[in-house]
Amino acid sequence: MYCEKCGQLIPAGSDTCPSCTPAPQTGETFRFHFKSGMSSQTVTEIDHTITLQKGGIAITSQKTRTAWKRKSMPAETKYINYRDIERMREKTDLAPAEIPIALLCALFLLMSTTFIEVLIWIILAAISIKWALRTVVIIQLQDRSKIKIPHSGQKQIAVDFINAVQKQIPIS
């Protein structure tokens, strides 16, 4: 029998597809929260809940966008087998949506003539860069596709997550 969703062969004696149905929870859970936008009227928030399971990881993504009205998108869950992971890494970068604000602050800083103006623009540039910094966990799969999980918090959560997953990956 073949799965109606993904078309893979379902093993004899099984009622569910091993690719589409995640294994029961057996491990720890990591939560990644990313918030983009300095204005309370235009904010995008992405919450990832990642659960380590016996054969892989389950990633549940929930996106909320506020543009004068808060709108939540339906949560999506993706299951990744450990054997499908080629490599994982983390990096710290600037959120693309925040870069124009930081550049604008830098431009006004260059045009400032008094010490107070310079000080104000340095502070505003520092605040915008702090808002723009994010840690991204990049999971590269065997098929060369990538899953990016952004996080606005401490880098240590990403490092702990990568270490926990690497302990689960079978050595081939």
C-alpha atoms as a PDB file:
ATOM      1  CA  MET A   1       0.000   0.000   0.000  1.00  0.00           C
ATOM      2  CA  TYR A   2       1.232   3.516  -0.805  1.00  0.00           C
ATOM      3  CA  CYS A   3       0.798   6.731   1.213  1.00  0.00           C
ATOM      4  CA  GLU A   4      -1.785   9.147  -0.207  1.00  0.00           C
ATOM      5  CA  LYS A   5       0.244  12.190   0.913  1.00  0.00           C
ATOM      6  CA  CYS A   6       3.809  11.392  -0.136  1.00  0.00           C
ATOM      7  CA  GLY A   7       3.476   8.283  -2.320  1.00  0.00           C
ATOM      8  CA  GLN A   8       5.970   6.188  -0.350  1.00  0.00           C
ATOM      9  CA  LEU A   9       5.442   2.490   0.273  1.00  0.00           C
ATOM     10  CA  ILE A  10       3.852   1.787   3.676  1.00  0.00           C
ATOM     11  CA  PRO A  11       5.389  -1.306   5.304  1.00  0.00           C
ATOM     12  CA  ALA A  12       3.147  -4.371   5.692  1.00  0.00           C
ATOM     13  CA  GLY A  13       1.294  -4.427   9.007  1.00  0.00           C
ATOM     14  CA  SER A  14       1.545  -0.640   9.488  1.00  0.00           C
ATOM     15  CA  ASP A  15      -1.444   1.701   9.366  1.00  0.00           C
ATOM     16  CA  THR A  16       0.580   4.900   9.016  1.00  0.00           C
ATOM     17  CA  CYS A  17       3.286   6.173   6.702  1.00  0.00           C
ATOM     18  CA  PRO A  18       6.715   6.330   8.396  1.00  0.00           C
ATOM     19  CA  SER A  19       7.612   9.474   6.410  1.00  0.00           C
ATOM     20  CA  CYS A  20       4.474  11.471   7.192  1.00  0.00           C
ATOM     21  CA  THR A  21       3.810  10.327  10.764  1.00  0.00           C
ATOM     22  CA  PRO A  22       6.417  11.409  13.283  1.00  0.00           C
ATOM     23  CA  ALA A  23       7.646   8.892  15.831  1.00  0.00           C
ATOM     24  CA  PRO A  24       6.466   9.296  19.421  1.00  0.00           C
ATOM     25  CA  GLN A  25       8.285  11.895  21.477  1.00  0.00           C
ATOM     26  CA  THR A  26      11.359  10.600  23.234  1.00  0.00           C
ATOM     27  CA  GLY A  27      13.576  13.603  23.750  1.00  0.00           C
ATOM     28  CA  GLU A  28      13.994  17.165  24.681  1.00  0.00           C
ATOM     29  CA  THR A  29      12.300  20.210  23.190  1.00  0.00           C
ATOM     30  CA  PHE A  30      13.944  23.439  22.002  1.00  0.00           C
ATOM     31  CA  ARG A  31      12.077  26.683  21.430  1.00  0.00           C
ATOM     32  CA  PHE A  32      13.320  29.305  19.000  1.00  0.00           C
ATOM     33  CA  HIS A  33      11.585  32.701  18.932  1.00  0.00           C
ATOM     34  CA  PHE A  34      12.349  35.329  16.289  1.00  0.00           C
ATOM     35  CA  LYS A  35      10.864  38.818  16.311  1.00  0.00           C
ATOM     36  CA  SER A  36      11.441  41.252  13.473  1.00  0.00           C
ATOM     37  CA  GLY A  37      10.395  44.888  13.408  1.00  0.00           C
ATOM     38  CA  MET A  38      10.891  47.811  15.749  1.00  0.00           C
ATOM     39  CA  SER A  39       7.398  49.226  15.398  1.00  0.00           C
ATOM     40  CA  SER A  40       4.479  47.719  17.296  1.00  0.00           C
ATOM     41  CA  GLN A  41       2.350  48.142  14.146  1.00  0.00           C
ATOM     42  CA  THR A  42       4.549  46.025  11.877  1.00  0.00           C
ATOM     43  CA  VAL A  43       6.052  43.002  13.610  1.00  0.00           C
ATOM     44  CA  THR A  44       6.690  39.503  12.353  1.00  0.00           C
ATOM     45  CA  GLU A  45       7.177  36.769  14.927  1.00  0.00           C
ATOM     46  CA  ILE A  46       8.182  33.202  14.147  1.00  0.00           C
ATOM     47  CA  ASP A  47       8.099  30.499  16.809  1.00  0.00           C
ATOM     48  CA  HIS A  48       9.772  27.156  16.181  1.00  0.00           C
ATOM     49  CA  THR A  49       9.256  24.270  18.583  1.00  0.00           C
ATOM     50  CA  ILE A  50      11.714  21.498  17.825  1.00  0.00           C
ATOM     51  CA  THR A  51      11.349  18.120  19.486  1.00  0.00           C
ATOM     52  CA  LEU A  52      14.061  15.481  19.316  1.00  0.00           C
ATOM     53  CA  GLN A  53      12.474  12.126  18.649  1.00  0.00           C
ATOM     54  CA  LYS A  54      13.740   8.586  18.278  1.00  0.00           C
ATOM     55  CA  GLY A  55      14.298   8.676  14.502  1.00  0.00           C
ATOM     56  CA  GLY A  56      14.499  12.391  13.785  1.00  0.00           C
ATOM     57  CA  ILE A  57      13.339  15.864  14.701  1.00  0.00           C
ATOM     58  CA  ALA A  58       9.873  17.388  14.499  1.00  0.00           C
ATOM     59  CA  ILE A  59       9.870  21.116  13.689  1.00  0.00           C
ATOM     60  CA  THR A  60       6.631  23.001  14.328  1.00  0.00           C
ATOM     61  CA  SER A  61       6.588  26.548  12.905  1.00  0.00           C
ATOM     62  CA  GLN A  62       4.055  29.215  13.886  1.00  0.00           C
ATOM     63  CA  LYS A  63       4.195  32.613  12.177  1.00  0.00           C
ATOM     64  CA  THR A  64       2.387  35.720  13.413  1.00  0.00           C
ATOM     65  CA  ARG A  65       2.338  38.999  11.518  1.00  0.00           C
ATOM     66  CA  THR A  66       1.092  42.289  12.898  1.00  0.00           C
ATOM     67  CA  ALA A  67       0.335  45.100  10.483  1.00  0.00           C
ATOM     68  CA  TRP A  68      -2.198  47.160  12.459  1.00  0.00           C
ATOM     69  CA  LYS A  69      -3.997  43.869  13.103  1.00  0.00           C
ATOM     70  CA  ARG A  70      -2.501  40.651  14.493  1.00  0.00           C
ATOM     71  CA  LYS A  71      -2.786  37.677  12.121  1.00  0.00           C
ATOM     72  CA  SER A  72      -1.545  34.159  12.900  1.00  0.00           C
ATOM     73  CA  MET A  73      -0.809  31.713  10.123  1.00  0.00           C
ATOM     74  CA  PRO A  74      -1.626  28.019  10.649  1.00  0.00           C
ATOM     75  CA  ALA A  75       1.140  26.066  12.383  1.00  0.00           C
ATOM     76  CA  GLU A  76       3.141  23.722  10.173  1.00  0.00           C
ATOM     77  CA  THR A  77       4.990  20.628  11.356  1.00  0.00           C
ATOM     78  CA  LYS A  78       7.864  19.125   9.403  1.00  0.00           C
ATOM     79  CA  TYR A  79       9.573  15.853  10.320  1.00  0.00           C
ATOM     80  CA  ILE A  80      13.228  15.255   9.423  1.00  0.00           C
ATOM     81  CA  ASN A  81      14.952  11.907   9.815  1.00  0.00           C
ATOM     82  CA  TYR A  82      18.404  12.071  11.357  1.00  0.00           C
ATOM     83  CA  ARG A  83      19.830  10.152   8.397  1.00  0.00           C
ATOM     84  CA  ASP A  84      18.623  12.920   6.035  1.00  0.00           C
ATOM     85  CA  ILE A  85      20.739  15.577   7.787  1.00  0.00           C
ATOM     86  CA  GLU A  86      24.030  16.212   6.037  1.00  0.00           C
ATOM     87  CA  ARG A  87      25.308  18.928   8.377  1.00  0.00           C
ATOM     88  CA  MET A  88      24.190  21.615  10.804  1.00  0.00           C
ATOM     89  CA  ARG A  89      25.696  24.945  11.718  1.00  0.00           C
ATOM     90  CA  GLU A  90      24.767  28.205  13.330  1.00  0.00           C
ATOM     91  CA  LYS A  91      25.637  31.725  12.340  1.00  0.00           C
ATOM     92  CA  THR A  92      24.880  35.194  13.581  1.00  0.00           C
ATOM     93  CA  ASP A  93      23.761  37.732  11.016  1.00  0.00           C
ATOM     94  CA  LEU A  94      21.523  40.733  10.482  1.00  0.00           C
ATOM     95  CA  ALA A  95      17.839  40.259   9.721  1.00  0.00           C
ATOM     96  CA  PRO A  96      17.352  41.571   6.152  1.00  0.00           C
ATOM     97  CA  ALA A  97      14.289  43.644   7.058  1.00  0.00           C
ATOM     98  CA  GLU A  98      16.237  45.616   9.676  1.00  0.00           C
ATOM     99  CA  ILE A  99      19.278  46.537   7.554  1.00  0.00           C
ATOM    100  CA  PRO A 100      17.693  49.645   5.931  1.00  0.00           C
ATOM    101  CA  ILE A 101      16.992  51.125   9.374  1.00  0.00           C
ATOM    102  CA  ALA A 102      20.599  50.600  10.477  1.00  0.00           C
ATOM    103  CA  LEU A 103      21.859  52.143   7.198  1.00  0.00           C
ATOM    104  CA  LEU A 104      19.556  55.123   7.609  1.00  0.00           C
ATOM    105  CA  CYS A 105      20.897  55.718  11.122  1.00  0.00           C
ATOM    106  CA  ALA A 106      24.461  55.496   9.783  1.00  0.00           C
ATOM    107  CA  LEU A 107      23.622  58.000   7.025  1.00  0.00           C
ATOM    108  CA  PHE A 108      22.197  60.512   9.508  1.00  0.00           C
ATOM    109  CA  LEU A 109      25.232  59.912  11.736  1.00  0.00           C
ATOM    110  CA  LEU A 110      27.517  60.952   8.866  1.00  0.00           C
ATOM    111  CA  MET A 111      25.454  64.102   8.262  1.00  0.00           C
ATOM    112  CA  SER A 112      25.443  65.124  11.942  1.00  0.00           C
ATOM    113  CA  THR A 113      27.341  68.244  12.882  1.00  0.00           C
ATOM    114  CA  THR A 114      27.028  68.544  16.664  1.00  0.00           C
ATOM    115  CA  PHE A 115      28.185  66.170  19.373  1.00  0.00           C
ATOM    116  CA  ILE A 116      24.606  65.642  20.614  1.00  0.00           C
ATOM    117  CA  GLU A 117      23.380  64.691  17.122  1.00  0.00           C
ATOM    118  CA  VAL A 118      26.273  62.249  16.710  1.00  0.00           C
ATOM    119  CA  LEU A 119      25.544  60.718  20.113  1.00  0.00           C
ATOM    120  CA  ILE A 120      21.819  60.343  19.352  1.00  0.00           C
ATOM    121  CA  TRP A 121      22.453  58.645  15.984  1.00  0.00           C
ATOM    122  CA  ILE A 122      25.084  56.326  17.480  1.00  0.00           C
ATOM    123  CA  ILE A 123      22.575  55.231  20.130  1.00  0.00           C
ATOM    124  CA  LEU A 124      19.791  54.754  17.550  1.00  0.00           C
ATOM    125  CA  ALA A 125      22.142  52.807  15.241  1.00  0.00           C
ATOM    126  CA  ALA A 126      23.193  50.565  18.137  1.00  0.00           C
ATOM    127  CA  ILE A 127      19.552  49.914  19.055  1.00  0.00           C
ATOM    128  CA  SER A 128      18.618  49.091  15.455  1.00  0.00           C
ATOM    129  CA  ILE A 129      21.586  46.725  15.088  1.00  0.00           C
ATOM    130  CA  LYS A 130      20.662  45.017  18.368  1.00  0.00           C
ATOM    131  CA  TRP A 131      17.138  44.490  16.993  1.00  0.00           C
ATOM    132  CA  ALA A 132      18.558  43.246  13.702  1.00  0.00           C
ATOM    133  CA  LEU A 133      20.967  40.648  15.127  1.00  0.00           C
ATOM    134  CA  ARG A 134      19.755  37.096  14.991  1.00  0.00           C
ATOM    135  CA  THR A 135      21.187  33.637  15.337  1.00  0.00           C
ATOM    136  CA  VAL A 136      20.243  31.254  12.540  1.00  0.00           C
ATOM    137  CA  VAL A 137      20.533  27.467  12.723  1.00  0.00           C
ATOM    138  CA  ILE A 138      21.007  26.084   9.231  1.00  0.00           C
ATOM    139  CA  ILE A 139      20.167  22.419   8.675  1.00  0.00           C
ATOM    140  CA  GLN A 140      21.480  21.170   5.341  1.00  0.00           C
ATOM    141  CA  LEU A 141      19.787  17.999   4.140  1.00  0.00           C
ATOM    142  CA  GLN A 142      21.145  15.234   1.906  1.00  0.00           C
ATOM    143  CA  ASP A 143      19.110  16.564  -1.048  1.00  0.00           C
ATOM    144  CA  ARG A 144      20.979  19.931  -0.714  1.00  0.00           C
ATOM    145  CA  SER A 145      17.898  21.767   0.577  1.00  0.00           C
ATOM    146  CA  LYS A 146      18.306  23.935   3.662  1.00  0.00           C
ATOM    147  CA  ILE A 147      16.078  24.680   6.609  1.00  0.00           C
ATOM    148  CA  LYS A 148      16.785  27.974   8.373  1.00  0.00           C
ATOM    149  CA  ILE A 149      15.613  28.488  11.937  1.00  0.00           C
ATOM    150  CA  PRO A 150      16.069  32.096  13.134  1.00  0.00           C
ATOM    151  CA  HIS A 151      16.310  33.023  16.817  1.00  0.00           C
ATOM    152  CA  SER A 152      16.416  36.462  18.458  1.00  0.00           C
ATOM    153  CA  GLY A 153      17.695  35.220  21.806  1.00  0.00           C
ATOM    154  CA  GLN A 154      20.904  33.795  23.149  1.00  0.00           C
ATOM    155  CA  LYS A 155      23.274  31.978  20.833  1.00  0.00           C
ATOM    156  CA  GLN A 156      23.720  29.203  23.432  1.00  0.00           C
ATOM    157  CA  ILE A 157      20.260  27.757  22.648  1.00  0.00           C
ATOM    158  CA  ALA A 158      21.335  27.179  19.029  1.00  0.00           C
ATOM    159  CA  VAL A 159      24.620  25.590  20.124  1.00  0.00           C
ATOM    160  CA  ASP A 160      22.841  23.290  22.614  1.00  0.00           C
ATOM    161  CA  PHE A 161      20.320  22.269  19.938  1.00  0.00           C
ATOM    162  CA  ILE A 162      23.039  21.429  17.387  1.00  0.00           C
ATOM    163  CA  ASN A 163      24.997  19.410  19.974  1.00  0.00           C
ATOM    164  CA  ALA A 164      21.868  17.478  21.023  1.00  0.00           C
ATOM    165  CA  VAL A 165      21.010  16.618  17.396  1.00  0.00           C
ATOM    166  CA  GLN A 166      24.557  15.571  16.551  1.00  0.00           C
ATOM    167  CA  LYS A 167      24.479  13.082  19.454  1.00  0.00           C
ATOM    168  CA  GLN A 168      21.358  11.515  17.862  1.00  0.00           C
ATOM    169  CA  ILE A 169      22.663  11.261  14.286  1.00  0.00           C
ATOM    170  CA  PRO A 170      23.710   7.661  13.541  1.00  0.00           C
ATOM    171  CA  ILE A 171      27.299   7.176  12.410  1.00  0.00           C
ATOM    172  CA  SER A 172      27.341   5.648   8.942  1.00  0.00           C
END
